[in-house]
């Protein structure tokens, strides 16, 4: 079974408030087996557009990635993020050759 991934790019306007979102997303991420592969590290953007934070999260399956996003706990966390950040999120199925 192919893994699932969240690819997120985020601009944070108020990092102190954004920390509440980070705290709130910890439980749903744990519940659905999420593992951070990239979390706001140094980057270069040689093509296209970018945002200040880039995040890549791996899930045990594509369905787990979808279920995490749709969970009540994560939807509550989104409300903490929405007012203090702007972002893009793609949920994608991994390649399983």
PDB file of N, CA and C in Angstrom:
ATOM      1  N   UNK A   1       0.843  -1.183   0.000  1.00  0.00           N
ATOM      2  CA  UNK A   1       0.000   0.000   0.000  1.00  0.00           C
ATOM      3  C   UNK A   1       0.887   1.246   0.000  1.00  0.00           C
ATOM      4  N   UNK A   2       0.574   2.184  -0.872  1.00  0.00           N
ATOM      5  CA  UNK A   2       1.352   3.420  -0.971  1.00  0.00           C
ATOM      6  C   UNK A   2       1.096   4.321   0.230  1.00  0.00           C
ATOM      7  N   UNK A   3       2.119   5.026   0.626  1.00  0.00           N
ATOM      8  CA  UNK A   3       1.989   5.989   1.718  1.00  0.00           C
ATOM      9  C   UNK A   3       1.269   7.227   1.214  1.00  0.00           C
ATOM     10  N   UNK A   4       0.821   8.046   2.158  1.00  0.00           N
ATOM     11  CA  UNK A   4       0.202   9.318   1.822  1.00  0.00           C
ATOM     12  C   UNK A   4       1.065  10.444   2.357  1.00  0.00           C
ATOM     13  N   UNK A   5       0.972  11.598   1.717  1.00  0.00           N
ATOM     14  CA  UNK A   5       1.798  12.737   2.101  1.00  0.00           C
ATOM     15  C   UNK A   5       0.979  14.021   2.095  1.00  0.00           C
ATOM     16  N   UNK A   6       1.290  14.874   3.027  1.00  0.00           N
ATOM     17  CA  UNK A   6       0.816  16.255   2.991  1.00  0.00           C
ATOM     18  C   UNK A   6       2.009  17.098   2.564  1.00  0.00           C
ATOM     19  N   UNK A   7       1.788  17.919   1.561  1.00  0.00           N
ATOM     20  CA  UNK A   7       2.782  18.889   1.133  1.00  0.00           C
ATOM     21  C   UNK A   7       2.177  20.255   1.415  1.00  0.00           C
ATOM     22  N   UNK A   8       2.771  20.972   2.347  1.00  0.00           N
ATOM     23  CA  UNK A   8       2.215  22.260   2.757  1.00  0.00           C
ATOM     24  C   UNK A   8       3.251  23.361   2.607  1.00  0.00           C
ATOM     25  N   UNK A   9       2.780  24.528   2.209  1.00  0.00           N
ATOM     26  CA  UNK A   9       3.602  25.738   2.139  1.00  0.00           C
ATOM     27  C   UNK A   9       2.822  26.814   2.870  1.00  0.00           C
ATOM     28  N   UNK A  10       3.457  27.487   3.814  1.00  0.00           N
ATOM     29  CA  UNK A  10       2.732  28.392   4.703  1.00  0.00           C
ATOM     30  C   UNK A  10       3.513  29.679   4.944  1.00  0.00           C
ATOM     31  N   UNK A  11       2.798  30.791   4.941  1.00  0.00           N
ATOM     32  CA  UNK A  11       3.311  32.068   5.434  1.00  0.00           C
ATOM     33  C   UNK A  11       2.618  32.331   6.762  1.00  0.00           C
ATOM     34  N   UNK A  12       3.393  32.564   7.798  1.00  0.00           N
ATOM     35  CA  UNK A  12       2.849  32.785   9.135  1.00  0.00           C
ATOM     36  C   UNK A  12       2.947  34.265   9.474  1.00  0.00           C
ATOM     37  N   UNK A  13       1.819  34.857   9.850  1.00  0.00           N
ATOM     38  CA  UNK A  13       1.773  36.274  10.209  1.00  0.00           C
ATOM     39  C   UNK A  13       2.048  36.518  11.693  1.00  0.00           C
ATOM     40  N   UNK A  14       1.679  35.574  12.539  1.00  0.00           N
ATOM     41  CA  UNK A  14       1.842  35.710  13.995  1.00  0.00           C
ATOM     42  C   UNK A  14       2.290  34.357  14.550  1.00  0.00           C
ATOM     43  N   UNK A  15       3.605  34.183  14.679  1.00  0.00           N
ATOM     44  CA  UNK A  15       4.109  32.869  15.074  1.00  0.00           C
ATOM     45  C   UNK A  15       3.701  32.487  16.493  1.00  0.00           C
ATOM     46  N   UNK A  16       3.558  33.439  17.384  1.00  0.00           N
ATOM     47  CA  UNK A  16       3.126  33.109  18.762  1.00  0.00           C
ATOM     48  C   UNK A  16       1.737  32.477  18.751  1.00  0.00           C
ATOM     49  N   UNK A  17       0.836  33.002  17.950  1.00  0.00           N
ATOM     50  CA  UNK A  17      -0.499  32.409  17.836  1.00  0.00           C
ATOM     51  C   UNK A  17      -0.453  31.092  17.056  1.00  0.00           C
ATOM     52  N   UNK A  18       0.423  31.021  16.076  1.00  0.00           N
ATOM     53  CA  UNK A  18       0.570  29.812  15.262  1.00  0.00           C
ATOM     54  C   UNK A  18       1.014  28.623  16.121  1.00  0.00           C
ATOM     55  N   UNK A  19       1.743  28.893  17.180  1.00  0.00           N
ATOM     56  CA  UNK A  19       2.176  27.827  18.087  1.00  0.00           C
ATOM     57  C   UNK A  19       0.982  27.083  18.683  1.00  0.00           C
ATOM     58  N   UNK A  20      -0.157  27.742  18.828  1.00  0.00           N
ATOM     59  CA  UNK A  20      -1.368  27.074  19.330  1.00  0.00           C
ATOM     60  C   UNK A  20      -1.845  26.020  18.320  1.00  0.00           C
ATOM     61  N   UNK A  21      -1.737  26.351  17.049  1.00  0.00           N
ATOM     62  CA  UNK A  21      -2.077  25.380  16.005  1.00  0.00           C
ATOM     63  C   UNK A  21      -1.119  24.188  16.063  1.00  0.00           C
ATOM     64  N   UNK A  22       0.168  24.455  16.209  1.00  0.00           N
ATOM     65  CA  UNK A  22       1.154  23.378  16.294  1.00  0.00           C
ATOM     66  C   UNK A  22       0.832  22.444  17.460  1.00  0.00           C
ATOM     67  N   UNK A  23       0.487  23.009  18.595  1.00  0.00           N
ATOM     68  CA  UNK A  23       0.134  22.185  19.760  1.00  0.00           C
ATOM     69  C   UNK A  23      -1.135  21.374  19.495  1.00  0.00           C
ATOM     70  N   UNK A  24      -2.104  21.981  18.830  1.00  0.00           N
ATOM     71  CA  UNK A  24      -3.381  21.312  18.587  1.00  0.00           C
ATOM     72  C   UNK A  24      -3.279  20.221  17.526  1.00  0.00           C
ATOM     73  N   UNK A  25      -2.335  20.340  16.587  1.00  0.00           N
ATOM     74  CA  UNK A  25      -2.266  19.317  15.541  1.00  0.00           C
ATOM     75  C   UNK A  25      -1.476  18.083  15.984  1.00  0.00           C
ATOM     76  N   UNK A  26      -0.792  18.157  17.110  1.00  0.00           N
ATOM     77  CA  UNK A  26       0.041  17.034  17.553  1.00  0.00           C
ATOM     78  C   UNK A  26      -0.775  15.757  17.769  1.00  0.00           C
ATOM     79  N   UNK A  27      -1.932  15.865  18.380  1.00  0.00           N
ATOM     80  CA  UNK A  27      -2.726  14.660  18.662  1.00  0.00           C
ATOM     81  C   UNK A  27      -3.284  14.018  17.399  1.00  0.00           C
ATOM     82  N   UNK A  28      -3.925  14.780  16.502  1.00  0.00           N
ATOM     83  CA  UNK A  28      -4.388  14.090  15.292  1.00  0.00           C
ATOM     84  C   UNK A  28      -3.241  13.517  14.460  1.00  0.00           C
ATOM     85  N   UNK A  29      -2.112  14.190  14.420  1.00  0.00           N
ATOM     86  CA  UNK A  29      -0.979  13.624  13.694  1.00  0.00           C
ATOM     87  C   UNK A  29      -0.543  12.307  14.330  1.00  0.00           C
ATOM     88  N   UNK A  30      -0.484  12.251  15.643  1.00  0.00           N
ATOM     89  CA  UNK A  30      -0.119  11.005  16.327  1.00  0.00           C
ATOM     90  C   UNK A  30      -1.167   9.922  16.073  1.00  0.00           C
ATOM     91  N   UNK A  31      -2.436  10.303  16.133  1.00  0.00           N
ATOM     92  CA  UNK A  31      -3.525   9.335  15.936  1.00  0.00           C
ATOM     93  C   UNK A  31      -3.491   8.677  14.558  1.00  0.00           C
ATOM     94  N   UNK A  32      -3.029   9.408  13.553  1.00  0.00           N
ATOM     95  CA  UNK A  32      -3.042   8.894  12.184  1.00  0.00           C
ATOM     96  C   UNK A  32      -1.659   8.507  11.675  1.00  0.00           C
ATOM     97  N   UNK A  33      -0.684   8.420  12.576  1.00  0.00           N
ATOM     98  CA  UNK A  33       0.640   7.907  12.221  1.00  0.00           C
ATOM     99  C   UNK A  33       1.492   8.841  11.396  1.00  0.00           C
ATOM    100  N   UNK A  34       1.294  10.144  11.547  1.00  0.00           N
ATOM    101  CA  UNK A  34       2.054  11.124  10.770  1.00  0.00           C
ATOM    102  C   UNK A  34       3.506  11.190  11.232  1.00  0.00           C
ATOM    103  N   UNK A  35       4.381  11.455  10.259  1.00  0.00           N
ATOM    104  CA  UNK A  35       5.803  11.627  10.551  1.00  0.00           C
ATOM    105  C   UNK A  35       6.323  12.780   9.701  1.00  0.00           C
ATOM    106  N   UNK A  36       6.884  13.784  10.367  1.00  0.00           N
ATOM    107  CA  UNK A  36       7.435  14.931   9.648  1.00  0.00           C
ATOM    108  C   UNK A  36       8.726  14.529   8.940  1.00  0.00           C
ATOM    109  N   UNK A  37       8.791  14.797   7.649  1.00  0.00           N
ATOM    110  CA  UNK A  37      10.009  14.597   6.883  1.00  0.00           C
ATOM    111  C   UNK A  37      10.711  15.927   6.641  1.00  0.00           C
ATOM    112  N   UNK A  38       9.917  16.982   6.500  1.00  0.00           N
ATOM    113  CA  UNK A  38      10.422  18.350   6.343  1.00  0.00           C
ATOM    114  C   UNK A  38       9.545  19.234   7.217  1.00  0.00           C
ATOM    115  N   UNK A  39      10.195  20.108   7.977  1.00  0.00           N
ATOM    116  CA  UNK A  39       9.429  21.012   8.837  1.00  0.00           C
ATOM    117  C   UNK A  39      10.146  22.355   8.927  1.00  0.00           C
ATOM    118  N   UNK A  40       9.906  23.187   7.898  1.00  0.00           N
ATOM    119  CA  UNK A  40      10.374  24.581   7.894  1.00  0.00           C
ATOM    120  C   UNK A  40      11.887  24.721   7.886  1.00  0.00           C
ATOM    121  N   UNK A  41      12.581  23.834   7.231  1.00  0.00           N
ATOM    122  CA  UNK A  41      14.027  23.942   7.145  1.00  0.00           C
ATOM    123  C   UNK A  41      14.468  24.945   6.093  1.00  0.00           C
ATOM    124  N   UNK A  42      15.746  25.080   5.982  1.00  0.00           N
ATOM    125  CA  UNK A  42      16.349  25.970   4.983  1.00  0.00           C
ATOM    126  C   UNK A  42      15.956  25.481   3.592  1.00  0.00           C
ATOM    127  N   UNK A  43      15.696  26.413   2.675  1.00  0.00           N
ATOM    128  CA  UNK A  43      15.335  26.026   1.319  1.00  0.00           C
ATOM    129  C   UNK A  43      15.737  27.091   0.309  1.00  0.00           C
ATOM    130  N   UNK A  44      15.792  26.680  -0.941  1.00  0.00           N
ATOM    131  CA  UNK A  44      15.975  27.581  -2.078  1.00  0.00           C
ATOM    132  C   UNK A  44      14.773  27.380  -2.978  1.00  0.00           C
ATOM    133  N   UNK A  45      14.404  28.399  -3.713  1.00  0.00           N
ATOM    134  CA  UNK A  45      13.235  28.333  -4.594  1.00  0.00           C
ATOM    135  C   UNK A  45      13.653  28.741  -6.007  1.00  0.00           C
ATOM    136  N   UNK A  46      14.315  27.828  -6.744  1.00  0.00           N
ATOM    137  CA  UNK A  46      14.844  28.202  -8.049  1.00  0.00           C
ATOM    138  C   UNK A  46      13.781  28.423  -9.128  1.00  0.00           C
ATOM    139  N   UNK A  47      12.560  27.927  -8.919  1.00  0.00           N
ATOM    140  CA  UNK A  47      11.500  28.114  -9.906  1.00  0.00           C
ATOM    141  C   UNK A  47      10.169  28.328  -9.206  1.00  0.00           C
ATOM    142  N   UNK A  48       9.279  29.084  -9.836  1.00  0.00           N
ATOM    143  CA  UNK A  48       7.927  29.258  -9.325  1.00  0.00           C
ATOM    144  C   UNK A  48       7.867  30.141  -8.095  1.00  0.00           C
ATOM    145  N   UNK A  49       6.814  29.961  -7.327  1.00  0.00           N
ATOM    146  CA  UNK A  49       6.583  30.769  -6.130  1.00  0.00           C
ATOM    147  C   UNK A  49       6.861  29.948  -4.884  1.00  0.00           C
ATOM    148  N   UNK A  50       6.957  30.624  -3.753  1.00  0.00           N
ATOM    149  CA  UNK A  50       7.187  29.911  -2.501  1.00  0.00           C
ATOM    150  C   UNK A  50       6.491  30.637  -1.364  1.00  0.00           C
ATOM    151  N   UNK A  51       6.542  30.027  -0.221  1.00  0.00           N
ATOM    152  CA  UNK A  51       6.093  30.611   1.034  1.00  0.00           C
ATOM    153  C   UNK A  51       7.234  30.423   2.034  1.00  0.00           C
ATOM    154  N   UNK A  52       7.100  31.021   3.202  1.00  0.00           N
ATOM    155  CA  UNK A  52       8.217  31.035   4.155  1.00  0.00           C
ATOM    156  C   UNK A  52       8.457  29.695   4.855  1.00  0.00           C
ATOM    157  N   UNK A  53       7.439  28.854   4.962  1.00  0.00           N
ATOM    158  CA  UNK A  53       7.586  27.542   5.611  1.00  0.00           C
ATOM    159  C   UNK A  53       7.147  26.455   4.643  1.00  0.00           C
ATOM    160  N   UNK A  54       7.921  25.395   4.575  1.00  0.00           N
ATOM    161  CA  UNK A  54       7.580  24.228   3.770  1.00  0.00           C
ATOM    162  C   UNK A  54       7.541  23.020   4.691  1.00  0.00           C
ATOM    163  N   UNK A  55       6.508  22.197   4.517  1.00  0.00           N
ATOM    164  CA  UNK A  55       6.323  21.041   5.390  1.00  0.00           C
ATOM    165  C   UNK A  55       5.964  19.832   4.529  1.00  0.00           C
ATOM    166  N   UNK A  56       6.585  18.698   4.824  1.00  0.00           N
ATOM    167  CA  UNK A  56       6.255  17.432   4.185  1.00  0.00           C
ATOM    168  C   UNK A  56       5.996  16.424   5.291  1.00  0.00           C
ATOM    169  N   UNK A  57       4.774  15.895   5.326  1.00  0.00           N
ATOM    170  CA  UNK A  57       4.385  14.946   6.370  1.00  0.00           C
ATOM    171  C   UNK A  57       4.011  13.627   5.711  1.00  0.00           C
ATOM    172  N   UNK A  58       4.573  12.540   6.216  1.00  0.00           N
ATOM    173  CA  UNK A  58       4.305  11.204   5.691  1.00  0.00           C
ATOM    174  C   UNK A  58       3.283  10.499   6.582  1.00  0.00           C
ATOM    175  N   UNK A  59       2.345   9.802   5.956  1.00  0.00           N
ATOM    176  CA  UNK A  59       1.346   8.983   6.651  1.00  0.00           C
ATOM    177  C   UNK A  59       1.481   7.543   6.176  1.00  0.00           C
ATOM    178  N   UNK A  60       1.043   6.590   6.965  1.00  0.00           N
ATOM    179  CA  UNK A  60       1.187   5.192   6.567  1.00  0.00           C
ATOM    180  C   UNK A  60       0.429   4.834   5.284  1.00  0.00           C
ATOM    181  N   UNK A  61      -0.595   5.629   4.945  1.00  0.00           N
ATOM    182  CA  UNK A  61      -1.364   5.386   3.718  1.00  0.00           C
ATOM    183  C   UNK A  61      -1.992   6.694   3.257  1.00  0.00           C
ATOM    184  N   UNK A  62      -2.402   6.701   2.005  1.00  0.00           N
ATOM    185  CA  UNK A  62      -3.114   7.852   1.460  1.00  0.00           C
ATOM    186  C   UNK A  62      -4.413   8.072   2.237  1.00  0.00           C
ATOM    187  N   UNK A  63      -5.108   6.977   2.548  1.00  0.00           N
ATOM    188  CA  UNK A  63      -6.362   7.096   3.294  1.00  0.00           C
ATOM    189  C   UNK A  63      -6.132   7.698   4.676  1.00  0.00           C
ATOM    190  N   UNK A  64      -5.059   7.323   5.354  1.00  0.00           N
ATOM    191  CA  UNK A  64      -4.749   7.904   6.665  1.00  0.00           C
ATOM    192  C   UNK A  64      -4.500   9.408   6.537  1.00  0.00           C
ATOM    193  N   UNK A  65      -3.847   9.815   5.455  1.00  0.00           N
ATOM    194  CA  UNK A  65      -3.596  11.245   5.226  1.00  0.00           C
ATOM    195  C   UNK A  65      -4.906  11.998   5.051  1.00  0.00           C
ATOM    196  N   UNK A  66      -5.831  11.429   4.283  1.00  0.00           N
ATOM    197  CA  UNK A  66      -7.144  12.042   4.102  1.00  0.00           C
ATOM    198  C   UNK A  66      -7.939  12.056   5.399  1.00  0.00           C
ATOM    199  N   UNK A  67      -7.934  10.928   6.097  1.00  0.00           N
ATOM    200  CA  UNK A  67      -8.703  10.816   7.344  1.00  0.00           C
ATOM    201  C   UNK A  67      -8.209  11.792   8.394  1.00  0.00           C
ATOM    202  N   UNK A  68      -6.899  11.989   8.474  1.00  0.00           N
ATOM    203  CA  UNK A  68      -6.353  12.945   9.436  1.00  0.00           C
ATOM    204  C   UNK A  68      -6.888  14.342   9.142  1.00  0.00           C
ATOM    205  N   UNK A  69      -6.816  14.749   7.875  1.00  0.00           N
ATOM    206  CA  UNK A  69      -7.289  16.090   7.514  1.00  0.00           C
ATOM    207  C   UNK A  69      -8.765  16.260   7.853  1.00  0.00           C
ATOM    208  N   UNK A  70      -9.550  15.246   7.603  1.00  0.00           N
ATOM    209  CA  UNK A  70     -10.992  15.322   7.807  1.00  0.00           C
ATOM    210  C   UNK A  70     -11.426  15.089   9.248  1.00  0.00           C
ATOM    211  N   UNK A  71     -10.496  14.708  10.120  1.00  0.00           N
ATOM    212  CA  UNK A  71     -10.853  14.411  11.509  1.00  0.00           C
ATOM    213  C   UNK A  71     -11.316  15.667  12.242  1.00  0.00           C
ATOM    214  N   UNK A  72     -12.173  15.454  13.222  1.00  0.00           N
ATOM    215  CA  UNK A  72     -12.668  16.569  14.038  1.00  0.00           C
ATOM    216  C   UNK A  72     -11.522  17.302  14.730  1.00  0.00           C
ATOM    217  N   UNK A  73     -10.548  16.547  15.214  1.00  0.00           N
ATOM    218  CA  UNK A  73      -9.430  17.164  15.940  1.00  0.00           C
ATOM    219  C   UNK A  73      -8.603  18.058  15.023  1.00  0.00           C
ATOM    220  N   UNK A  74      -8.350  17.614  13.787  1.00  0.00           N
ATOM    221  CA  UNK A  74      -7.570  18.462  12.894  1.00  0.00           C
ATOM    222  C   UNK A  74      -8.389  19.647  12.405  1.00  0.00           C
ATOM    223  N   UNK A  75      -9.657  19.446  12.179  1.00  0.00           N
ATOM    224  CA  UNK A  75     -10.505  20.564  11.762  1.00  0.00           C
ATOM    225  C   UNK A  75     -10.549  21.645  12.841  1.00  0.00           C
ATOM    226  N   UNK A  76     -10.508  21.246  14.103  1.00  0.00           N
ATOM    227  CA  UNK A  76     -10.427  22.224  15.197  1.00  0.00           C
ATOM    228  C   UNK A  76      -9.087  22.960  15.164  1.00  0.00           C
ATOM    229  N   UNK A  77      -8.017  22.245  14.853  1.00  0.00           N
ATOM    230  CA  UNK A  77      -6.691  22.874  14.773  1.00  0.00           C
ATOM    231  C   UNK A  77      -6.637  23.902  13.648  1.00  0.00           C
ATOM    232  N   UNK A  78      -7.284  23.598  12.536  1.00  0.00           N
ATOM    233  CA  UNK A  78      -7.300  24.528  11.405  1.00  0.00           C
ATOM    234  C   UNK A  78      -7.832  25.897  11.830  1.00  0.00           C
ATOM    235  N   UNK A  79      -8.814  25.904  12.669  1.00  0.00           N
ATOM    236  CA  UNK A  79      -9.405  27.172  13.118  1.00  0.00           C
ATOM    237  C   UNK A  79      -8.380  28.038  13.843  1.00  0.00           C
ATOM    238  N   UNK A  80      -7.420  27.434  14.508  1.00  0.00           N
ATOM    239  CA  UNK A  80      -6.368  28.183  15.196  1.00  0.00           C
ATOM    240  C   UNK A  80      -5.346  28.744  14.206  1.00  0.00           C
ATOM    241  N   UNK A  81      -5.183  28.081  13.092  1.00  0.00           N
ATOM    242  CA  UNK A  81      -4.210  28.476  12.076  1.00  0.00           C
ATOM    243  C   UNK A  81      -4.747  29.535  11.122  1.00  0.00           C
ATOM    244  N   UNK A  82      -6.014  29.460  10.815  1.00  0.00           N
ATOM    245  CA  UNK A  82      -6.597  30.237   9.722  1.00  0.00           C
ATOM    246  C   UNK A  82      -6.397  31.746   9.844  1.00  0.00           C
ATOM    247  N   UNK A  83      -6.542  32.282  11.036  1.00  0.00           N
ATOM    248  CA  UNK A  83      -6.465  33.741  11.209  1.00  0.00           C
ATOM    249  C   UNK A  83      -5.034  34.278  11.198  1.00  0.00           C
ATOM    250  N   UNK A  84      -4.057  33.405  11.371  1.00  0.00           N
ATOM    251  CA  UNK A  84      -2.675  33.887  11.521  1.00  0.00           C
ATOM    252  C   UNK A  84      -1.717  33.376  10.451  1.00  0.00           C
ATOM    253  N   UNK A  85      -2.256  32.732   9.416  1.00  0.00           N
ATOM    254  CA  UNK A  85      -1.387  32.217   8.363  1.00  0.00           C
ATOM    255  C   UNK A  85      -2.150  32.071   7.053  1.00  0.00           C
ATOM    256  N   UNK A  86      -1.374  31.974   5.980  1.00  0.00           N
ATOM    257  CA  UNK A  86      -1.907  31.704   4.651  1.00  0.00           C
ATOM    258  C   UNK A  86      -1.109  30.541   4.098  1.00  0.00           C
ATOM    259  N   UNK A  87      -1.794  29.569   3.548  1.00  0.00           N
ATOM    260  CA  UNK A  87      -1.039  28.424   3.078  1.00  0.00           C
ATOM    261  C   UNK A  87      -1.696  27.664   1.956  1.00  0.00           C
ATOM    262  N   UNK A  88      -0.948  26.698   1.468  1.00  0.00           N
ATOM    263  CA  UNK A  88      -1.392  25.772   0.436  1.00  0.00           C
ATOM    264  C   UNK A  88      -1.123  24.366   0.967  1.00  0.00           C
ATOM    265  N   UNK A  89      -2.067  23.469   0.741  1.00  0.00           N
ATOM    266  CA  UNK A  89      -1.898  22.081   1.179  1.00  0.00           C
ATOM    267  C   UNK A  89      -2.347  21.151   0.068  1.00  0.00           C
ATOM    268  N   UNK A  90      -1.497  20.178  -0.239  1.00  0.00           N
ATOM    269  CA  UNK A  90      -1.835  19.121  -1.186  1.00  0.00           C
ATOM    270  C   UNK A  90      -1.694  17.806  -0.437  1.00  0.00           C
ATOM    271  N   UNK A  91      -2.679  16.939  -0.574  1.00  0.00           N
ATOM    272  CA  UNK A  91      -2.595  15.587  -0.031  1.00  0.00           C
ATOM    273  C   UNK A  91      -2.414  14.659  -1.221  1.00  0.00           C
ATOM    274  N   UNK A  92      -1.326  13.896  -1.212  1.00  0.00           N
ATOM    275  CA  UNK A  92      -0.963  13.114  -2.394  1.00  0.00           C
ATOM    276  C   UNK A  92      -0.623  11.676  -2.004  1.00  0.00           C
ATOM    277  N   UNK A  93      -0.948  10.773  -2.900  1.00  0.00           N
ATOM    278  CA  UNK A  93      -0.578   9.373  -2.715  1.00  0.00           C
ATOM    279  C   UNK A  93       0.861   9.185  -3.173  1.00  0.00           C
ATOM    280  N   UNK A  94       1.636   8.489  -2.367  1.00  0.00           N
ATOM    281  CA  UNK A  94       3.022   8.221  -2.715  1.00  0.00           C
ATOM    282  C   UNK A  94       3.154   7.213  -3.847  1.00  0.00           C
ATOM    283  N   UNK A  95       4.316   7.160  -4.408  1.00  0.00           N
ATOM    284  CA  UNK A  95       4.623   6.219  -5.489  1.00  0.00           C
ATOM    285  C   UNK A  95       5.103   4.925  -4.879  1.00  0.00           C
ATOM    286  N   UNK A  96       4.461   3.834  -5.254  1.00  0.00           N
ATOM    287  CA  UNK A  96       4.794   2.527  -4.710  1.00  0.00           C
ATOM    288  C   UNK A  96       5.130   1.605  -5.878  1.00  0.00           C
ATOM    289  N   UNK A  97       6.382   1.663  -6.322  1.00  0.00           N
ATOM    290  CA  UNK A  97       6.791   0.910  -7.525  1.00  0.00           C
ATOM    291  C   UNK A  97       6.807  -0.574  -7.278  1.00  0.00           C
TER     292      UNK A  97
END
